[in-house]
C-alpha atoms as a PDB file:
ATOM      1  CA  MET A   1       8.280  25.109 -27.213  1.00  0.00           C
ATOM      2  CA  PRO A   2       5.252  25.669 -29.066  1.00  0.00           C
ATOM      3  CA  THR A   3       1.710  27.845 -27.341  1.00  0.00           C
ATOM      4  CA  ILE A   4      -1.708  26.950 -28.133  1.00  0.00           C
ATOM      5  CA  LYS A   5      -1.717  29.790 -29.985  1.00  0.00           C
ATOM      6  CA  ASP A   6       0.718  28.758 -32.380  1.00  0.00           C
ATOM      7  CA  VAL A   7      -2.190  25.825 -32.584  1.00  0.00           C
ATOM      8  CA  ALA A   8      -4.598  28.312 -33.112  1.00  0.00           C
ATOM      9  CA  LEU A   9      -2.908  29.449 -35.415  1.00  0.00           C
ATOM     10  CA  LYS A  10      -2.158  26.808 -37.649  1.00  0.00           C
ATOM     11  CA  ALA A  11      -5.712  24.887 -37.335  1.00  0.00           C
ATOM     12  CA  GLY A  12      -6.650  28.546 -38.410  1.00  0.00           C
ATOM     13  CA  VAL A  13      -9.556  28.529 -35.196  1.00  0.00           C
ATOM     14  CA  SER A  14      -9.533  30.161 -32.355  1.00  0.00           C
ATOM     15  CA  VAL A  15      -7.451  29.853 -29.074  1.00  0.00           C
ATOM     16  CA  THR A  16     -11.292  28.746 -27.445  1.00  0.00           C
ATOM     17  CA  THR A  17     -11.291  27.029 -29.765  1.00  0.00           C
ATOM     18  CA  VAL A  18      -7.968  25.108 -29.053  1.00  0.00           C
ATOM     19  CA  SER A  19      -8.996  25.425 -25.027  1.00  0.00           C
ATOM     20  CA  ARG A  20     -12.290  23.290 -25.634  1.00  0.00           C
ATOM     21  CA  VAL A  21     -10.965  20.413 -27.523  1.00  0.00           C
ATOM     22  CA  LEU A  22      -7.853  20.250 -24.657  1.00  0.00           C
ATOM     23  CA  ASN A  23     -10.961  20.013 -21.990  1.00  0.00           C
ATOM     24  CA  ASN A  24     -13.886  18.594 -24.548  1.00  0.00           C
ATOM     25  CA  ARG A  25     -16.438  21.058 -23.603  1.00  0.00           C
ATOM     26  CA  GLY A  26     -19.361  21.859 -25.608  1.00  0.00           C
ATOM     27  CA  TYR A  27     -20.166  20.711 -28.779  1.00  0.00           C
ATOM     28  CA  LEU A  28     -17.412  20.528 -31.401  1.00  0.00           C
ATOM     29  CA  SER A  29     -17.708  18.835 -34.591  1.00  0.00           C
ATOM     30  CA  GLU A  30     -15.286  15.918 -35.630  1.00  0.00           C
ATOM     31  CA  GLU A  31     -13.334  17.632 -38.552  1.00  0.00           C
ATOM     32  CA  LEU A  32     -12.657  20.630 -36.047  1.00  0.00           C
ATOM     33  CA  LYS A  33     -11.427  18.422 -33.190  1.00  0.00           C
ATOM     34  CA  LYS A  34      -9.326  16.323 -35.678  1.00  0.00           C
ATOM     35  CA  LYS A  35      -8.009  19.797 -37.274  1.00  0.00           C
ATOM     36  CA  VAL A  36      -6.541  21.177 -34.443  1.00  0.00           C
ATOM     37  CA  LEU A  37      -5.425  17.828 -33.119  1.00  0.00           C
ATOM     38  CA  GLN A  38      -3.667  17.434 -35.850  1.00  0.00           C
ATOM     39  CA  ALA A  39      -1.858  20.850 -35.733  1.00  0.00           C
ATOM     40  CA  MET A  40      -1.277  19.701 -32.109  1.00  0.00           C
ATOM     41  CA  ASP A  41       0.725  16.809 -33.542  1.00  0.00           C
ATOM     42  CA  GLU A  42       2.453  18.352 -36.423  1.00  0.00           C
ATOM     43  CA  LEU A  43       4.095  21.200 -33.430  1.00  0.00           C
ATOM     44  CA  ASN A  44       4.723  18.718 -30.865  1.00  0.00           C
ATOM     45  CA  TYR A  45       2.579  20.537 -28.912  1.00  0.00           C
ATOM     46  CA  ARG A  46       1.994  19.216 -24.866  1.00  0.00           C
ATOM     47  CA  PRO A  47      -0.849  20.854 -22.880  1.00  0.00           C
ATOM     48  CA  ASN A  48       0.773  22.721 -19.587  1.00  0.00           C
ATOM     49  CA  GLU A  49      -1.335  20.241 -17.225  1.00  0.00           C
ATOM     50  CA  LEU A  50      -0.583  22.751 -14.310  1.00  0.00           C
ATOM     51  CA  ALA A  51      -2.206  25.363 -16.122  1.00  0.00           C
ATOM     52  CA  ARG A  52      -5.102  23.063 -17.353  1.00  0.00           C
ATOM     53  CA  SER A  53      -5.668  21.812 -13.435  1.00  0.00           C
ATOM     54  CA  LEU A  54      -5.995  25.224 -11.913  1.00  0.00           C
ATOM     55  CA  SER A  55      -8.480  26.240 -15.125  1.00  0.00           C
ATOM     56  CA  ARG A  56     -10.731  22.939 -14.518  1.00  0.00           C
ATOM     57  CA  SER A  57     -10.199  22.809 -10.231  1.00  0.00           C
ATOM     58  CA  ARG A  58      -8.741  19.241 -11.305  1.00  0.00           C
ATOM     59  CA  SER A  59      -5.481  17.649 -11.575  1.00  0.00           C
ATOM     60  CA  ASN A  60      -6.695  14.023 -12.824  1.00  0.00           C
ATOM     61  CA  ILE A  61      -3.647  12.941 -10.533  1.00  0.00           C
ATOM     62  CA  ILE A  62      -3.670  11.177  -7.377  1.00  0.00           C
ATOM     63  CA  GLY A  63      -0.263  11.297  -5.147  1.00  0.00           C
ATOM     64  CA  LEU A  64       0.488   7.600  -3.321  1.00  0.00           C
ATOM     65  CA  ILE A  65       2.862   8.231  -0.474  1.00  0.00           C
ATOM     66  CA  ILE A  66       4.828   4.588   0.858  1.00  0.00           C
ATOM     67  CA  PRO A  67       7.612   2.739   2.634  1.00  0.00           C
ATOM     68  CA  SER A  68       9.491   1.745  -0.325  1.00  0.00           C
ATOM     69  CA  VAL A  69       8.377   0.298  -3.911  1.00  0.00           C
ATOM     70  CA  ALA A  70      11.178  -2.442  -3.695  1.00  0.00           C
ATOM     71  CA  HIS A  71       8.804  -3.689  -1.430  1.00  0.00           C
ATOM     72  CA  PRO A  72       6.526  -6.700  -2.825  1.00  0.00           C
ATOM     73  CA  PHE A  73       3.713  -5.781  -0.830  1.00  0.00           C
ATOM     74  CA  PHE A  74       4.080  -2.214  -1.550  1.00  0.00           C
ATOM     75  CA  GLY A  75       5.081  -2.858  -4.894  1.00  0.00           C
ATOM     76  CA  GLU A  76       1.812  -4.860  -5.738  1.00  0.00           C
ATOM     77  CA  LEU A  77      -0.720  -2.618  -4.059  1.00  0.00           C
ATOM     78  CA  THR A  78       1.004   0.453  -6.180  1.00  0.00           C
ATOM     79  CA  GLY A  79       0.738  -1.680  -9.078  1.00  0.00           C
ATOM     80  CA  TYR A  80      -3.070  -2.001  -8.635  1.00  0.00           C
ATOM     81  CA  ILE A  81      -3.825   1.450  -7.588  1.00  0.00           C
ATOM     82  CA  GLU A  82      -1.707   2.823 -10.612  1.00  0.00           C
ATOM     83  CA  GLU A  83      -3.742   0.279 -12.965  1.00  0.00           C
ATOM     84  CA  HIS A  84      -7.463   1.538 -11.344  1.00  0.00           C
ATOM     85  CA  ALA A  85      -6.492   4.920 -11.026  1.00  0.00           C
ATOM     86  CA  TYR A  86      -5.614   4.824 -14.781  1.00  0.00           C
ATOM     87  CA  HIS A  87      -8.610   3.125 -15.666  1.00  0.00           C
ATOM     88  CA  SER A  88     -10.726   5.908 -13.866  1.00  0.00           C
ATOM     89  CA  GLY A  89      -9.081   8.684 -16.044  1.00  0.00           C
ATOM     90  CA  CYS A  90      -6.109   9.191 -13.168  1.00  0.00           C
ATOM     91  CA  LYS A  91      -2.750   9.444 -13.502  1.00  0.00           C
ATOM     92  CA  LEU A  92      -0.313   8.600 -10.214  1.00  0.00           C
ATOM     93  CA  LEU A  93       2.493  10.370  -8.346  1.00  0.00           C
ATOM     94  CA  LEU A  94       4.139   8.073  -6.680  1.00  0.00           C
ATOM     95  CA  CYS A  95       6.511   8.619  -3.658  1.00  0.00           C
ATOM     96  CA  ASN A  96       8.985   6.929  -1.358  1.00  0.00           C
ATOM     97  CA  SER A  97       9.557   7.731   1.970  1.00  0.00           C
ATOM     98  CA  GLN A  98      11.569   5.251   3.164  1.00  0.00           C
ATOM     99  CA  GLN A  99       9.974   5.859   6.952  1.00  0.00           C
ATOM    100  CA  ASP A 100      11.769   9.237   6.533  1.00  0.00           C
ATOM    101  CA  LYS A 101       9.442  12.222   8.584  1.00  0.00           C
ATOM    102  CA  GLN A 102      11.433  15.199   6.555  1.00  0.00           C
ATOM    103  CA  LYS A 103      10.687  13.149   2.948  1.00  0.00           C
ATOM    104  CA  GLU A 104       7.407  12.699   4.019  1.00  0.00           C
ATOM    105  CA  LEU A 105       6.747  15.977   4.517  1.00  0.00           C
ATOM    106  CA  GLU A 106       8.425  17.151   1.463  1.00  0.00           C
ATOM    107  CA  TYR A 107       6.627  14.873  -0.461  1.00  0.00           C
ATOM    108  CA  ILE A 108       2.982  16.208   1.297  1.00  0.00           C
ATOM    109  CA  ASP A 109       4.173  19.708   0.221  1.00  0.00           C
ATOM    110  CA  MET A 110       5.463  18.760  -3.219  1.00  0.00           C
ATOM    111  CA  LEU A 111       1.959  16.948  -3.785  1.00  0.00           C
ATOM    112  CA  ARG A 112      -0.010  20.018  -2.648  1.00  0.00           C
ATOM    113  CA  ALA A 113       1.955  22.297  -4.813  1.00  0.00           C
ATOM    114  CA  SER A 114       1.437  19.818  -7.653  1.00  0.00           C
ATOM    115  CA  ARG A 115      -2.604  20.211  -7.118  1.00  0.00           C
ATOM    116  CA  VAL A 116      -3.379  16.683  -7.375  1.00  0.00           C
ATOM    117  CA  ASP A 117      -7.035  15.554  -6.572  1.00  0.00           C
ATOM    118  CA  GLY A 118      -6.016  13.729  -3.400  1.00  0.00           C
ATOM    119  CA  ILE A 119      -3.265  11.532  -1.437  1.00  0.00           C
ATOM    120  CA  ILE A 120      -3.131   7.795  -0.572  1.00  0.00           C
ATOM    121  CA  MET A 121      -1.185   7.580   2.213  1.00  0.00           C
ATOM    122  CA  GLY A 122       1.058   3.963   3.035  1.00  0.00           C
ATOM    123  CA  SER A 123       3.708   5.935   4.827  1.00  0.00           C
ATOM    124  CA  HIS A 124       2.271   6.678   8.640  1.00  0.00           C
ATOM    125  CA  THR A 125       5.842   9.323   9.870  1.00  0.00           C
ATOM    126  CA  LEU A 126       3.584  12.037  11.109  1.00  0.00           C
ATOM    127  CA  GLU A 127       1.426  13.022  13.840  1.00  0.00           C
ATOM    128  CA  VAL A 128      -2.329  13.404  13.703  1.00  0.00           C
ATOM    129  CA  GLU A 129      -2.351  16.909  13.185  1.00  0.00           C
ATOM    130  CA  ALA A 130      -0.105  17.094   9.582  1.00  0.00           C
ATOM    131  CA  TYR A 131      -2.216  14.724   7.955  1.00  0.00           C
ATOM    132  CA  GLN A 132      -5.419  16.969   9.123  1.00  0.00           C
ATOM    133  CA  GLN A 133      -3.783  20.196   8.018  1.00  0.00           C
ATOM    134  CA  MET A 134      -3.366  18.748   4.649  1.00  0.00           C
ATOM    135  CA  ASN A 135      -6.887  20.266   3.537  1.00  0.00           C
ATOM    136  CA  LEU A 136      -7.426  17.629   0.496  1.00  0.00           C
ATOM    137  CA  PRO A 137      -9.127  13.935  -0.249  1.00  0.00           C
ATOM    138  CA  LEU A 138      -7.076  11.485   1.720  1.00  0.00           C
ATOM    139  CA  VAL A 139      -7.228   7.564   2.241  1.00  0.00           C
ATOM    140  CA  THR A 140      -4.675   5.712   4.595  1.00  0.00           C
ATOM    141  CA  PHE A 141      -3.726   2.631   4.616  1.00  0.00           C
ATOM    142  CA  ASP A 142      -3.294   0.231   8.247  1.00  0.00           C
ATOM    143  CA  ARG A 143      -3.684   3.312  10.121  1.00  0.00           C
ATOM    144  CA  GLN A 144      -6.791   5.247  11.958  1.00  0.00           C
ATOM    145  CA  ILE A 145      -5.927   9.210  11.895  1.00  0.00           C
ATOM    146  CA  SER A 146      -9.457  10.361  12.804  1.00  0.00           C
ATOM    147  CA  PRO A 147     -12.914   9.837  12.034  1.00  0.00           C
ATOM    148  CA  ALA A 148     -12.793  12.286   9.168  1.00  0.00           C
ATOM    149  CA  ILE A 149     -10.117  10.447   7.236  1.00  0.00           C
ATOM    150  CA  PRO A 150     -11.090   7.082   5.680  1.00  0.00           C
ATOM    151  CA  TYR A 151      -8.886   3.653   6.425  1.00  0.00           C
ATOM    152  CA  VAL A 152      -8.359   0.684   4.232  1.00  0.00           C
ATOM    153  CA  CYS A 153      -6.717  -2.597   6.148  1.00  0.00           C
ATOM    154  CA  SER A 154      -7.247  -5.858   5.913  1.00  0.00           C
ATOM    155  CA  ASP A 155      -9.031  -7.822   8.766  1.00  0.00           C
ATOM    156  CA  ASN A 156      -5.548  -7.927  10.822  1.00  0.00           C
ATOM    157  CA  TYR A 157      -7.140  -9.276  14.004  1.00  0.00           C
ATOM    158  CA  GLN A 158      -8.775 -12.277  12.182  1.00  0.00           C
ATOM    159  CA  GLY A 159      -5.373 -12.755  10.356  1.00  0.00           C
ATOM    160  CA  GLY A 160      -3.915 -13.653  13.395  1.00  0.00           C
ATOM    161  CA  VAL A 161      -6.018 -15.473  14.548  1.00  0.00           C
ATOM    162  CA  LEU A 162      -6.091 -17.634  11.266  1.00  0.00           C
ATOM    163  CA  ALA A 163      -2.285 -18.545  11.734  1.00  0.00           C
ATOM    164  CA  THR A 164      -2.387 -18.644  15.279  1.00  0.00           C
ATOM    165  CA  ARG A 165      -4.684 -21.504  15.145  1.00  0.00           C
ATOM    166  CA  LEU A 166      -3.642 -23.507  11.999  1.00  0.00           C
ATOM    167  CA  LEU A 167      -0.107 -23.653  14.146  1.00  0.00           C
ATOM    168  CA  ILE A 168      -1.321 -25.367  17.175  1.00  0.00           C
ATOM    169  CA  ASP A 169      -3.994 -27.451  15.140  1.00  0.00           C
ATOM    170  CA  LYS A 170      -0.764 -28.944  13.607  1.00  0.00           C
ATOM    171  CA  GLY A 171       0.774 -29.276  16.463  1.00  0.00           C
ATOM    172  CA  CYS A 172       3.148 -26.519  17.611  1.00  0.00           C
ATOM    173  CA  ARG A 173       3.423 -26.369  21.060  1.00  0.00           C
ATOM    174  CA  GLN A 174       5.882 -23.246  21.590  1.00  0.00           C
ATOM    175  CA  LEU A 175       5.477 -20.464  19.379  1.00  0.00           C
ATOM    176  CA  ALA A 176       6.720 -16.863  18.298  1.00  0.00           C
ATOM    177  CA  HIS A 177       5.433 -13.913  16.528  1.00  0.00           C
ATOM    178  CA  ILE A 178       8.318 -11.694  14.464  1.00  0.00           C
ATOM    179  CA  GLY A 179       6.743  -8.082  13.121  1.00  0.00           C
ATOM    180  CA  GLY A 180       7.303  -4.270  12.937  1.00  0.00           C
ATOM    181  CA  HIS A 181       7.836  -2.413  16.379  1.00  0.00           C
ATOM    182  CA  PRO A 182       3.558  -2.072  18.236  1.00  0.00           C
ATOM    183  CA  GLY A 183       4.930   1.383  18.977  1.00  0.00           C
ATOM    184  CA  LEU A 184       4.265   2.641  15.300  1.00  0.00           C
ATOM    185  CA  ASN A 185       0.544   3.316  15.839  1.00  0.00           C
ATOM    186  CA  ILE A 186      -0.496   1.078  12.643  1.00  0.00           C
ATOM    187  CA  LEU A 187      -3.643  -1.617  12.461  1.00  0.00           C
ATOM    188  CA  SER A 188      -1.265  -4.383  11.456  1.00  0.00           C
ATOM    189  CA  GLY A 189       0.144  -4.571  15.338  1.00  0.00           C
ATOM    190  CA  LEU A 190      -3.758  -5.979  15.439  1.00  0.00           C
ATOM    191  CA  ARG A 191      -1.591  -9.424  14.392  1.00  0.00           C
ATOM    192  CA  PHE A 192       0.566 -10.103  17.552  1.00  0.00           C
ATOM    193  CA  GLU A 193      -2.410  -8.800  19.191  1.00  0.00           C
ATOM    194  CA  ALA A 194      -4.961 -11.556  17.802  1.00  0.00           C
ATOM    195  CA  PHE A 195      -1.471 -14.057  17.891  1.00  0.00           C
ATOM    196  CA  ALA A 196      -0.600 -13.369  21.962  1.00  0.00           C
ATOM    197  CA  ALA A 197      -4.698 -13.880  22.920  1.00  0.00           C
ATOM    198  CA  THR A 198      -5.112 -16.863  20.288  1.00  0.00           C
ATOM    199  CA  ALA A 199      -2.261 -18.944  22.097  1.00  0.00           C
ATOM    200  CA  GLN A 200      -3.031 -17.426  25.713  1.00  0.00           C
ATOM    201  CA  ALA A 201      -6.764 -18.894  24.873  1.00  0.00           C
ATOM    202  CA  GLN A 202      -5.176 -22.361  24.159  1.00  0.00           C
ATOM    203  CA  HIS A 203      -2.230 -22.221  27.161  1.00  0.00           C
ATOM    204  CA  ILE A 204       0.555 -22.312  24.586  1.00  0.00           C
ATOM    205  CA  PRO A 205       3.529 -20.336  25.703  1.00  0.00           C
ATOM    206  CA  TYR A 206       4.919 -17.836  23.358  1.00  0.00           C
ATOM    207  CA  THR A 207       7.480 -15.193  22.246  1.00  0.00           C
ATOM    208  CA  LEU A 208       7.147 -12.426  21.027  1.00  0.00           C
ATOM    209  CA  LEU A 209       9.991 -10.248  18.760  1.00  0.00           C
ATOM    210  CA  HIS A 210       9.457  -7.017  16.851  1.00  0.00           C
ATOM    211  CA  THR A 211      11.495  -4.352  15.223  1.00  0.00           C
ATOM    212  CA  ASP A 212      12.780  -1.141  15.984  1.00  0.00           C
ATOM    213  CA  ASP A 213      10.630   1.681  14.153  1.00  0.00           C
ATOM    214  CA  ASN A 214      12.064   1.015  11.129  1.00  0.00           C
ATOM    215  CA  SER A 215       9.767  -2.137  10.304  1.00  0.00           C
ATOM    216  CA  PHE A 216      11.370  -2.948   6.804  1.00  0.00           C
ATOM    217  CA  ASP A 217      14.637  -3.370   7.983  1.00  0.00           C
ATOM    218  CA  VAL A 218      16.099  -6.433   7.238  1.00  0.00           C
ATOM    219  CA  GLY A 219      19.092  -6.891   8.728  1.00  0.00           C
ATOM    220  CA  ALA A 220      16.627  -6.627  11.654  1.00  0.00           C
ATOM    221  CA  TYR A 221      15.045  -9.856  10.869  1.00  0.00           C
ATOM    222  CA  GLU A 222      17.952 -11.840  10.632  1.00  0.00           C
ATOM    223  CA  ARG A 223      19.155 -11.073  14.090  1.00  0.00           C
ATOM    224  CA  LEU A 224      15.419 -11.353  15.588  1.00  0.00           C
ATOM    225  CA  LEU A 225      15.185 -15.022  14.136  1.00  0.00           C
ATOM    226  CA  ASP A 226      18.826 -15.600  15.389  1.00  0.00           C
ATOM    227  CA  GLN A 227      18.120 -14.668  18.718  1.00  0.00           C
ATOM    228  CA  LEU A 228      14.905 -16.846  18.901  1.00  0.00           C
ATOM    229  CA  PHE A 229      17.130 -20.390  17.638  1.00  0.00           C
ATOM    230  CA  ARG A 230      19.872 -18.998  20.595  1.00  0.00           C
ATOM    231  CA  GLU A 231      16.977 -18.358  23.422  1.00  0.00           C
ATOM    232  CA  GLN A 232      13.988 -20.840  22.243  1.00  0.00           C
ATOM    233  CA  PRO A 233      15.160 -23.311  20.961  1.00  0.00           C
ATOM    234  CA  GLY A 234      12.312 -25.197  20.801  1.00  0.00           C
ATOM    235  CA  THR A 235      10.178 -22.792  19.133  1.00  0.00           C
ATOM    236  CA  ASP A 236       8.026 -25.063  16.327  1.00  0.00           C
ATOM    237  CA  GLY A 237       5.717 -22.842  15.319  1.00  0.00           C
ATOM    238  CA  ILE A 238       6.401 -19.115  13.632  1.00  0.00           C
ATOM    239  CA  PHE A 239       3.992 -16.708  13.072  1.00  0.00           C
ATOM    240  CA  ALA A 240       5.588 -13.593  10.672  1.00  0.00           C
ATOM    241  CA  GLY A 241       4.126 -10.456   9.987  1.00  0.00           C
ATOM    242  CA  SER A 242       4.929 -10.525   6.999  1.00  0.00           C
ATOM    243  CA  ASP A 243       5.418 -12.733   3.705  1.00  0.00           C
ATOM    244  CA  ILE A 244       9.017 -11.067   3.881  1.00  0.00           C
ATOM    245  CA  ILE A 245       9.806 -11.888   7.297  1.00  0.00           C
ATOM    246  CA  ALA A 246       8.438 -15.305   6.766  1.00  0.00           C
ATOM    247  CA  ALA A 247      10.979 -15.797   3.886  1.00  0.00           C
ATOM    248  CA  TYR A 248      14.012 -14.866   6.327  1.00  0.00           C
ATOM    249  CA  ALA A 249      12.635 -17.414   8.737  1.00  0.00           C
ATOM    250  CA  LEU A 250      12.989 -20.035   6.004  1.00  0.00           C
ATOM    251  CA  LYS A 251      16.283 -19.112   5.993  1.00  0.00           C
ATOM    252  CA  ALA A 252      17.183 -19.184   9.231  1.00  0.00           C
ATOM    253  CA  CYS A 253      15.765 -22.204   9.941  1.00  0.00           C
ATOM    254  CA  ARG A 254      18.338 -23.841   6.697  1.00  0.00           C
ATOM    255  CA  GLU A 255      20.916 -21.815   8.899  1.00  0.00           C
ATOM    256  CA  HIS A 256      20.217 -23.395  12.014  1.00  0.00           C
ATOM    257  CA  GLY A 257      19.718 -27.032  10.992  1.00  0.00           C
ATOM    258  CA  ARG A 258      15.482 -26.860  11.146  1.00  0.00           C
ATOM    259  CA  ARG A 259      13.731 -28.811   8.778  1.00  0.00           C
ATOM    260  CA  VAL A 260       9.833 -26.956   7.886  1.00  0.00           C
ATOM    261  CA  PRO A 261       7.263 -28.299   8.222  1.00  0.00           C
ATOM    262  CA  GLU A 262       8.619 -31.404  10.034  1.00  0.00           C
ATOM    263  CA  ASP A 263      10.844 -29.082  12.538  1.00  0.00           C
ATOM    264  CA  VAL A 264       9.050 -25.547  12.632  1.00  0.00           C
ATOM    265  CA  ARG A 265       5.944 -24.606  10.698  1.00  0.00           C
ATOM    266  CA  ILE A 266       6.165 -20.758   9.515  1.00  0.00           C
ATOM    267  CA  VAL A 267       2.953 -18.521   8.605  1.00  0.00           C
ATOM    268  CA  GLY A 268       3.189 -15.344   7.096  1.00  0.00           C
ATOM    269  CA  TYR A 269       1.019 -12.446   6.000  1.00  0.00           C
ATOM    270  CA  ASP A 270       0.426 -10.594   2.838  1.00  0.00           C
ATOM    271  CA  GLY A 271      -0.135 -12.839  -0.011  1.00  0.00           C
ATOM    272  CA  ILE A 272       2.486 -11.805  -2.304  1.00  0.00           C
ATOM    273  CA  ALA A 273       3.170 -13.223  -5.472  1.00  0.00           C
ATOM    274  CA  LEU A 274       6.477 -13.831  -4.569  1.00  0.00           C
ATOM    275  CA  ARG A 275       5.787 -16.403  -1.666  1.00  0.00           C
ATOM    276  CA  SER A 276       4.930 -19.088  -4.529  1.00  0.00           C
ATOM    277  CA  MET A 277       8.885 -19.458  -5.829  1.00  0.00           C
ATOM    278  CA  LEU A 278       9.560 -19.648  -2.066  1.00  0.00           C
ATOM    279  CA  GLY A 279      11.224 -23.195  -1.295  1.00  0.00           C
ATOM    280  CA  PRO A 280       8.785 -24.503   0.478  1.00  0.00           C
ATOM    281  CA  ALA A 281       5.706 -22.983  -0.908  1.00  0.00           C
ATOM    282  CA  LEU A 282       4.588 -20.388   2.118  1.00  0.00           C
ATOM    283  CA  SER A 283       1.523 -20.987   4.195  1.00  0.00           C
ATOM    284  CA  THR A 284       0.090 -17.287   4.331  1.00  0.00           C
ATOM    285  CA  ILE A 285      -2.793 -15.111   5.317  1.00  0.00           C
ATOM    286  CA  ARG A 286      -3.775 -13.044   1.948  1.00  0.00           C
ATOM    287  CA  GLN A 287      -4.555 -10.243   2.383  1.00  0.00           C
ATOM    288  CA  PRO A 288      -6.849  -8.821  -0.912  1.00  0.00           C
ATOM    289  CA  ILE A 289      -4.537  -6.677  -2.053  1.00  0.00           C
ATOM    290  CA  GLU A 290      -6.014  -5.884  -5.372  1.00  0.00           C
ATOM    291  CA  ALA A 291      -9.376  -4.993  -4.132  1.00  0.00           C
ATOM    292  CA  MET A 292      -7.514  -2.770  -0.939  1.00  0.00           C
ATOM    293  CA  GLY A 293      -5.900  -0.688  -3.674  1.00  0.00           C
ATOM    294  CA  LYS A 294      -9.392   0.040  -6.051  1.00  0.00           C
ATOM    295  CA  LEU A 295     -10.998   0.907  -2.765  1.00  0.00           C
ATOM    296  CA  ALA A 296      -8.328   3.146  -2.237  1.00  0.00           C
ATOM    297  CA  VAL A 297      -8.626   5.010  -5.836  1.00  0.00           C
ATOM    298  CA  ASP A 298     -12.829   5.040  -5.191  1.00  0.00           C
ATOM    299  CA  LEU A 299     -12.497   6.668  -1.606  1.00  0.00           C
ATOM    300  CA  ILE A 300     -10.373   9.414  -2.968  1.00  0.00           C
ATOM    301  CA  LEU A 301     -12.965   9.900  -6.082  1.00  0.00           C
ATOM    302  CA  ARG A 302     -15.652   9.625  -3.974  1.00  0.00           C
ATOM    303  CA  GLN A 303     -14.473  12.709  -1.989  1.00  0.00           C
ATOM    304  CA  VAL A 304     -13.171  14.602  -4.953  1.00  0.00           C
ATOM    305  CA  HIS A 305     -17.436  14.495  -6.377  1.00  0.00           C
ATOM    306  CA  GLY A 306     -18.412  15.364  -2.727  1.00  0.00           C
ATOM    307  CA  ALA A 307     -19.775  12.094  -1.724  1.00  0.00           C
ATOM    308  CA  PRO A 308     -19.956  10.696   1.557  1.00  0.00           C
ATOM    309  CA  VAL A 309     -17.370   7.931   2.950  1.00  0.00           C
ATOM    310  CA  SER A 310     -17.376   6.012   5.862  1.00  0.00           C
ATOM    311  CA  ALA A 311     -13.912   6.320   8.292  1.00  0.00           C
ATOM    312  CA  LYS A 312     -13.622   2.558   8.068  1.00  0.00           C
ATOM    313  CA  TYR A 313     -13.321  -0.085   5.233  1.00  0.00           C
ATOM    314  CA  VAL A 314     -11.739  -3.577   6.579  1.00  0.00           C
ATOM    315  CA  LEU A 315     -11.550  -6.333   3.557  1.00  0.00           C
ATOM    316  CA  PRO A 316     -12.114  -9.916   4.607  1.00  0.00           C
ATOM    317  CA  VAL A 317      -9.073 -11.946   5.025  1.00  0.00           C
ATOM    318  CA  GLU A 318      -8.012 -15.563   3.502  1.00  0.00           C
ATOM    319  CA  LEU A 319      -5.679 -18.623   5.008  1.00  0.00           C
ATOM    320  CA  GLU A 320      -3.885 -20.361   1.873  1.00  0.00           C
ATOM    321  CA  ALA A 321      -1.983 -23.263   2.825  1.00  0.00           C
ATOM    322  CA  GLY A 322       1.189 -23.597   1.295  1.00  0.00           C
ATOM    323  CA  GLU A 323       3.747 -26.697   2.111  1.00  0.00           C
ATOM    324  CA  THR A 324       5.298 -24.965   5.583  1.00  0.00           C
ATOM    325  CA  ALA A 325       2.671 -25.293   7.746  1.00  0.00           C
END
């Protein structure tokens, strides 16, 4: 493989000059830059990014750890994070944890060894101490770890209130909420807390059904929905903890002979683009996914540059009316 010395020799300049061109440091004439870049192109030279990051104390790489990019919400979020990181002069290193604690630890070690500028965490299987020991700029989604680590989330509680009020206002009198396990210690649990509080305030009976620790197990959604219609056949309103769960609720209604919205009304949460492809189109609480992704990148870069950041960033949600509620 060609080295920086080979580039300098071919361009007829010093190694220092080539380094200055690579790092855009100091005054260099356009003619000199063109000569060095042409030599690099002819030799098919690719700079060692790790070595460059060591010399400039920055890699311009941001790490992102999420449960799975195959999940539509995290797929959209990753797309926005990557796009904003790129336009901010950074690249993205993506890790899928599959909610595996050992895998998450190994990815954190890899990202640190790669000298990333910071890590955006959307997967949270570890204890608080593990995050505090990273010694890197860090941003989390939907989990409050400590006052020193900023987190980004949508207004989960308000979203739960909006969804539940909509179902009640539409005439539902036996409600159910299906979501992730409340013991996961993430802020999305505020959705079911708001659901329960709003239903209680209106004296509406309700059922709470939760997955186990793997809140992305689609098989669990189907089992819970089947259980719901067997044990609570009078359920006429469902608030799903995500649009994906809501899609499975639509499927369960068809299988159990329930019409939507005539017999059962359904409200999801997230506002993913795929919701419009469902039949009928899903009513949902829309998270500002693009704004959340952009903010996460900005918070990493602010920390990199030593700018102050707050610990809490809660973005507003919107009720998007569809055909299911």
